[in-house]
PDB file of N, CA and C in Angstrom:
ATOM      1  N   UNK A   1     108.669  71.642  90.835  1.00  0.00           N
ATOM      2  CA  UNK A   1     109.279  70.616  89.496  1.00  0.00           C
ATOM      3  C   UNK A   1     110.815  70.447  89.435  1.00  0.00           C
ATOM      4  N   UNK A   2     110.760  72.087  88.800  1.00  0.00           N
ATOM      5  CA  UNK A   2     112.541  72.156  88.197  1.00  0.00           C
ATOM      6  C   UNK A   2     113.228  72.279  89.785  1.00  0.00           C
ATOM      7  N   UNK A   3     112.893  72.648  90.875  1.00  0.00           N
ATOM      8  CA  UNK A   3     113.593  73.043  91.938  1.00  0.00           C
ATOM      9  C   UNK A   3     113.998  71.856  92.347  1.00  0.00           C
ATOM     10  N   UNK A   4     112.879  70.963  92.127  1.00  0.00           N
ATOM     11  CA  UNK A   4     113.346  69.323  92.881  1.00  0.00           C
ATOM     12  C   UNK A   4     113.951  68.364  91.823  1.00  0.00           C
ATOM     13  N   UNK A   5     113.928  68.527  90.810  1.00  0.00           N
ATOM     14  CA  UNK A   5     115.065  68.075  90.008  1.00  0.00           C
ATOM     15  C   UNK A   5     116.551  68.570  90.154  1.00  0.00           C
ATOM     16  N   UNK A   6     116.290  69.659  90.096  1.00  0.00           N
ATOM     17  CA  UNK A   6     118.006  70.677  90.190  1.00  0.00           C
ATOM     18  C   UNK A   6     118.391  69.938  91.743  1.00  0.00           C
ATOM     19  N   UNK A   7     117.710  70.047  92.597  1.00  0.00           N
ATOM     20  CA  UNK A   7     117.912  69.430  94.239  1.00  0.00           C
ATOM     21  C   UNK A   7     118.169  68.014  94.171  1.00  0.00           C
ATOM     22  N   UNK A   8     117.880  67.298  92.989  1.00  0.00           N
ATOM     23  CA  UNK A   8     118.455  66.094  92.924  1.00  0.00           C
ATOM     24  C   UNK A   8     119.393  65.509  92.221  1.00  0.00           C
ATOM     25  N   UNK A   9     119.409  66.593  91.470  1.00  0.00           N
ATOM     26  CA  UNK A   9     120.860  66.360  90.521  1.00  0.00           C
ATOM     27  C   UNK A   9     121.882  66.882  91.286  1.00  0.00           C
ATOM     28  N   UNK A  10     121.787  67.966  92.343  1.00  0.00           N
ATOM     29  CA  UNK A  10     123.044  68.372  93.275  1.00  0.00           C
ATOM     30  C   UNK A  10     123.391  67.197  94.194  1.00  0.00           C
ATOM     31  N   UNK A  11     122.178  66.481  94.865  1.00  0.00           N
ATOM     32  CA  UNK A  11     122.375  65.140  95.538  1.00  0.00           C
ATOM     33  C   UNK A  11     122.979  64.326  95.101  1.00  0.00           C
ATOM     34  N   UNK A  12     122.891  64.062  93.827  1.00  0.00           N
ATOM     35  CA  UNK A  12     123.483  63.036  93.080  1.00  0.00           C
ATOM     36  C   UNK A  12     125.431  63.515  93.073  1.00  0.00           C
ATOM     37  N   UNK A  13     125.348  64.537  92.310  1.00  0.00           N
ATOM     38  CA  UNK A  13     126.395  64.651  92.343  1.00  0.00           C
ATOM     39  C   UNK A  13     127.330  65.238  93.413  1.00  0.00           C
ATOM     40  N   UNK A  14     126.700  64.957  94.946  1.00  0.00           N
ATOM     41  CA  UNK A  14     127.529  65.209  95.933  1.00  0.00           C
ATOM     42  C   UNK A  14     127.887  63.671  96.214  1.00  0.00           C
ATOM     43  N   UNK A  15     126.533  62.867  95.897  1.00  0.00           N
ATOM     44  CA  UNK A  15     127.145  61.348  96.362  1.00  0.00           C
ATOM     45  C   UNK A  15     127.967  60.433  95.541  1.00  0.00           C
ATOM     46  N   UNK A  16     128.280  60.988  94.486  1.00  0.00           N
ATOM     47  CA  UNK A  16     128.998  60.431  93.540  1.00  0.00           C
ATOM     48  C   UNK A  16     130.313  60.853  93.944  1.00  0.00           C
ATOM     49  N   UNK A  17     130.521  62.291  94.095  1.00  0.00           N
ATOM     50  CA  UNK A  17     131.708  62.879  94.647  1.00  0.00           C
ATOM     51  C   UNK A  17     132.143  62.059  96.057  1.00  0.00           C
ATOM     52  N   UNK A  18     131.523  62.123  96.973  1.00  0.00           N
ATOM     53  CA  UNK A  18     132.030  61.692  98.415  1.00  0.00           C
ATOM     54  C   UNK A  18     131.845  60.432  98.015  1.00  0.00           C
ATOM     55  N   UNK A  19     131.151  58.841  97.513  1.00  0.00           N
ATOM     56  CA  UNK A  19     131.418  58.211  97.079  1.00  0.00           C
ATOM     57  C   UNK A  19     133.051  57.912  96.333  1.00  0.00           C
ATOM     58  N   UNK A  20     133.496  58.925  95.842  1.00  0.00           N
ATOM     59  CA  UNK A  20     134.905  58.553  94.837  1.00  0.00           C
ATOM     60  C   UNK A  20     135.704  59.039  95.840  1.00  0.00           C
ATOM     61  N   UNK A  21     135.444  59.860  96.477  1.00  0.00           N
ATOM     62  CA  UNK A  21     136.961  61.019  97.054  1.00  0.00           C
ATOM     63  C   UNK A  21     136.705  60.402  98.633  1.00  0.00           C
ATOM     64  N   UNK A  22     135.987  59.939  99.035  1.00  0.00           N
ATOM     65  CA  UNK A  22     136.116  59.258 100.740  1.00  0.00           C
ATOM     66  C   UNK A  22     135.960  57.839 100.549  1.00  0.00           C
ATOM     67  N   UNK A  23     134.998  57.440  99.995  1.00  0.00           N
ATOM     68  CA  UNK A  23     135.239  55.761 100.027  1.00  0.00           C
ATOM     69  C   UNK A  23     135.520  55.062  99.215  1.00  0.00           C
ATOM     70  N   UNK A  24     136.042  55.751  98.152  1.00  0.00           N
ATOM     71  CA  UNK A  24     136.860  54.914  97.086  1.00  0.00           C
ATOM     72  C   UNK A  24     136.703  53.879  96.371  1.00  0.00           C
ATOM     73  N   UNK A  25     134.881  54.299  96.224  1.00  0.00           N
ATOM     74  CA  UNK A  25     133.757  52.842  95.530  1.00  0.00           C
ATOM     75  C   UNK A  25     134.714  53.161  94.082  1.00  0.00           C
ATOM     76  N   UNK A  26     134.518  52.060  93.286  1.00  0.00           N
ATOM     77  CA  UNK A  26     134.788  52.017  92.112  1.00  0.00           C
ATOM     78  C   UNK A  26     133.519  52.608  91.494  1.00  0.00           C
ATOM     79  N   UNK A  27     132.616  52.657  91.883  1.00  0.00           N
ATOM     80  CA  UNK A  27     131.558  52.568  90.459  1.00  0.00           C
ATOM     81  C   UNK A  27     131.456  53.870  90.997  1.00  0.00           C
ATOM     82  N   UNK A  28     131.676  54.359  91.652  1.00  0.00           N
ATOM     83  CA  UNK A  28     131.228  56.007  91.958  1.00  0.00           C
ATOM     84  C   UNK A  28     132.411  56.583  91.487  1.00  0.00           C
ATOM     85  N   UNK A  29     133.788  56.418  91.401  1.00  0.00           N
ATOM     86  CA  UNK A  29     135.273  56.849  90.535  1.00  0.00           C
ATOM     87  C   UNK A  29     134.806  56.819  88.922  1.00  0.00           C
ATOM     88  N   UNK A  30     133.976  55.632  88.474  1.00  0.00           N
ATOM     89  CA  UNK A  30     134.017  55.547  87.410  1.00  0.00           C
ATOM     90  C   UNK A  30     132.804  56.722  86.520  1.00  0.00           C
ATOM     91  N   UNK A  31     131.812  56.231  87.618  1.00  0.00           N
ATOM     92  CA  UNK A  31     130.525  57.757  87.167  1.00  0.00           C
ATOM     93  C   UNK A  31     131.125  59.181  86.772  1.00  0.00           C
ATOM     94  N   UNK A  32     132.617  59.536  88.366  1.00  0.00           N
ATOM     95  CA  UNK A  32     133.037  60.525  88.142  1.00  0.00           C
ATOM     96  C   UNK A  32     133.616  61.023  86.455  1.00  0.00           C
ATOM     97  N   UNK A  33     134.178  60.179  86.539  1.00  0.00           N
ATOM     98  CA  UNK A  33     134.754  60.033  84.903  1.00  0.00           C
ATOM     99  C   UNK A  33     134.149  60.389  83.877  1.00  0.00           C
ATOM    100  N   UNK A  34     133.036  59.755  83.855  1.00  0.00           N
ATOM    101  CA  UNK A  34     131.871  59.868  82.877  1.00  0.00           C
ATOM    102  C   UNK A  34     131.472  61.380  82.962  1.00  0.00           C
ATOM    103  N   UNK A  35     130.915  61.440  84.221  1.00  0.00           N
ATOM    104  CA  UNK A  35     130.226  63.403  84.627  1.00  0.00           C
ATOM    105  C   UNK A  35     131.735  63.647  84.183  1.00  0.00           C
ATOM    106  N   UNK A  36     132.576  63.912  84.435  1.00  0.00           N
ATOM    107  CA  UNK A  36     134.183  64.804  83.738  1.00  0.00           C
ATOM    108  C   UNK A  36     134.054  65.041  82.476  1.00  0.00           C
ATOM    109  N   UNK A  37     133.731  63.831  81.758  1.00  0.00           N
ATOM    110  CA  UNK A  37     134.066  63.842  80.138  1.00  0.00           C
ATOM    111  C   UNK A  37     132.767  64.719  79.621  1.00  0.00           C
ATOM    112  N   UNK A  38     131.369  64.318  80.152  1.00  0.00           N
ATOM    113  CA  UNK A  38     130.499  64.897  79.804  1.00  0.00           C
ATOM    114  C   UNK A  38     130.681  66.601  79.914  1.00  0.00           C
ATOM    115  N   UNK A  39     131.341  67.026  81.203  1.00  0.00           N
ATOM    116  CA  UNK A  39     131.271  68.095  81.701  1.00  0.00           C
ATOM    117  C   UNK A  39     132.418  68.963  80.693  1.00  0.00           C
ATOM    118  N   UNK A  40     133.547  68.431  79.943  1.00  0.00           N
ATOM    119  CA  UNK A  40     134.196  68.810  78.924  1.00  0.00           C
ATOM    120  C   UNK A  40     133.858  68.959  77.983  1.00  0.00           C
ATOM    121  N   UNK A  41     132.651  67.949  77.368  1.00  0.00           N
ATOM    122  CA  UNK A  41     131.907  67.924  76.072  1.00  0.00           C
ATOM    123  C   UNK A  41     131.157  69.457  76.249  1.00  0.00           C
ATOM    124  N   UNK A  42     130.661  69.683  77.361  1.00  0.00           N
ATOM    125  CA  UNK A  42     129.632  71.306  77.235  1.00  0.00           C
ATOM    126  C   UNK A  42     130.430  72.015  76.975  1.00  0.00           C
ATOM    127  N   UNK A  43     131.635  71.966  77.507  1.00  0.00           N
ATOM    128  CA  UNK A  43     132.393  73.264  77.723  1.00  0.00           C
ATOM    129  C   UNK A  43     132.841  73.138  76.612  1.00  0.00           C
ATOM    130  N   UNK A  44     133.214  72.559  75.161  1.00  0.00           N
ATOM    131  CA  UNK A  44     133.947  72.584  74.378  1.00  0.00           C
ATOM    132  C   UNK A  44     132.494  72.837  73.511  1.00  0.00           C
ATOM    133  N   UNK A  45     131.163  72.303  73.240  1.00  0.00           N
ATOM    134  CA  UNK A  45     130.386  72.651  72.799  1.00  0.00           C
ATOM    135  C   UNK A  45     130.004  74.080  72.943  1.00  0.00           C
ATOM    136  N   UNK A  46     129.873  74.870  73.865  1.00  0.00           N
ATOM    137  CA  UNK A  46     129.889  76.291  74.389  1.00  0.00           C
ATOM    138  C   UNK A  46     131.148  77.230  73.515  1.00  0.00           C
ATOM    139  N   UNK A  47     131.886  76.701  73.578  1.00  0.00           N
ATOM    140  CA  UNK A  47     133.025  77.465  72.792  1.00  0.00           C
ATOM    141  C   UNK A  47     133.085  77.455  71.514  1.00  0.00           C
ATOM    142  N   UNK A  48     132.700  76.064  70.959  1.00  0.00           N
ATOM    143  CA  UNK A  48     132.526  76.097  69.122  1.00  0.00           C
ATOM    144  C   UNK A  48     131.292  76.956  69.003  1.00  0.00           C
ATOM    145  N   UNK A  49     130.195  76.948  69.690  1.00  0.00           N
ATOM    146  CA  UNK A  49     128.610  77.645  69.661  1.00  0.00           C
ATOM    147  C   UNK A  49     129.325  79.503  69.277  1.00  0.00           C
ATOM    148  N   UNK A  50     130.086  79.551  70.829  1.00  0.00           N
ATOM    149  CA  UNK A  50     130.626  80.781  70.383  1.00  0.00           C
ATOM    150  C   UNK A  50     131.467  81.316  69.240  1.00  0.00           C
ATOM    151  N   UNK A  51     132.274  80.559  69.164  1.00  0.00           N
ATOM    152  CA  UNK A  51     133.284  80.925  67.649  1.00  0.00           C
ATOM    153  C   UNK A  51     132.241  81.104  66.483  1.00  0.00           C
ATOM    154  N   UNK A  52     131.401  80.252  66.428  1.00  0.00           N
ATOM    155  CA  UNK A  52     130.103  80.091  65.310  1.00  0.00           C
ATOM    156  C   UNK A  52     129.887  81.450  65.257  1.00  0.00           C
ATOM    157  N   UNK A  53     128.795  81.893  66.293  1.00  0.00           N
ATOM    158  CA  UNK A  53     127.809  82.888  66.393  1.00  0.00           C
ATOM    159  C   UNK A  53     129.399  84.043  66.250  1.00  0.00           C
ATOM    160  N   UNK A  54     130.275  84.070  66.577  1.00  0.00           N
ATOM    161  CA  UNK A  54     131.328  85.131  66.209  1.00  0.00           C
ATOM    162  C   UNK A  54     131.834  85.398  64.784  1.00  0.00           C
ATOM    163  N   UNK A  55     132.041  83.808  64.142  1.00  0.00           N
ATOM    164  CA  UNK A  55     132.181  84.193  62.720  1.00  0.00           C
ATOM    165  C   UNK A  55     130.871  84.537  61.981  1.00  0.00           C
ATOM    166  N   UNK A  56     129.684  83.993  62.198  1.00  0.00           N
ATOM    167  CA  UNK A  56     128.586  84.026  61.682  1.00  0.00           C
ATOM    168  C   UNK A  56     128.254  86.077  61.678  1.00  0.00           C
ATOM    169  N   UNK A  57     128.644  86.495  63.216  1.00  0.00           N
ATOM    170  CA  UNK A  57     128.409  88.363  62.801  1.00  0.00           C
ATOM    171  C   UNK A  57     129.445  88.619  62.474  1.00  0.00           C
ATOM    172  N   UNK A  58     130.635  88.366  61.922  1.00  0.00           N
ATOM    173  CA  UNK A  58     131.374  89.156  61.109  1.00  0.00           C
ATOM    174  C   UNK A  58     132.635  88.948  62.479  1.00  0.00           C
ATOM    175  N   UNK A  59     133.142  88.756  63.341  1.00  0.00           N
ATOM    176  CA  UNK A  59     134.403  89.002  63.839  1.00  0.00           C
ATOM    177  C   UNK A  59     133.850  89.540  65.078  1.00  0.00           C
ATOM    178  N   UNK A  60     134.813  90.279  65.881  1.00  0.00           N
ATOM    179  CA  UNK A  60     134.933  91.294  67.021  1.00  0.00           C
ATOM    180  C   UNK A  60     134.332  92.463  66.754  1.00  0.00           C
TER     181      UNK A  60
END
């Protein structure tokens, strides 16, 4: 089940990228913009959590 969901997410991502880059579909470009913002939010959340763990454990 997890492999199936991961495969579907990969296919969705490839479809959005192909639609945005090759076919210039406005809906795909907007979806790619949203996915990019979600990705940056995820990266920022990981960095904030790492900072909290470092602060909590007493630094480097």
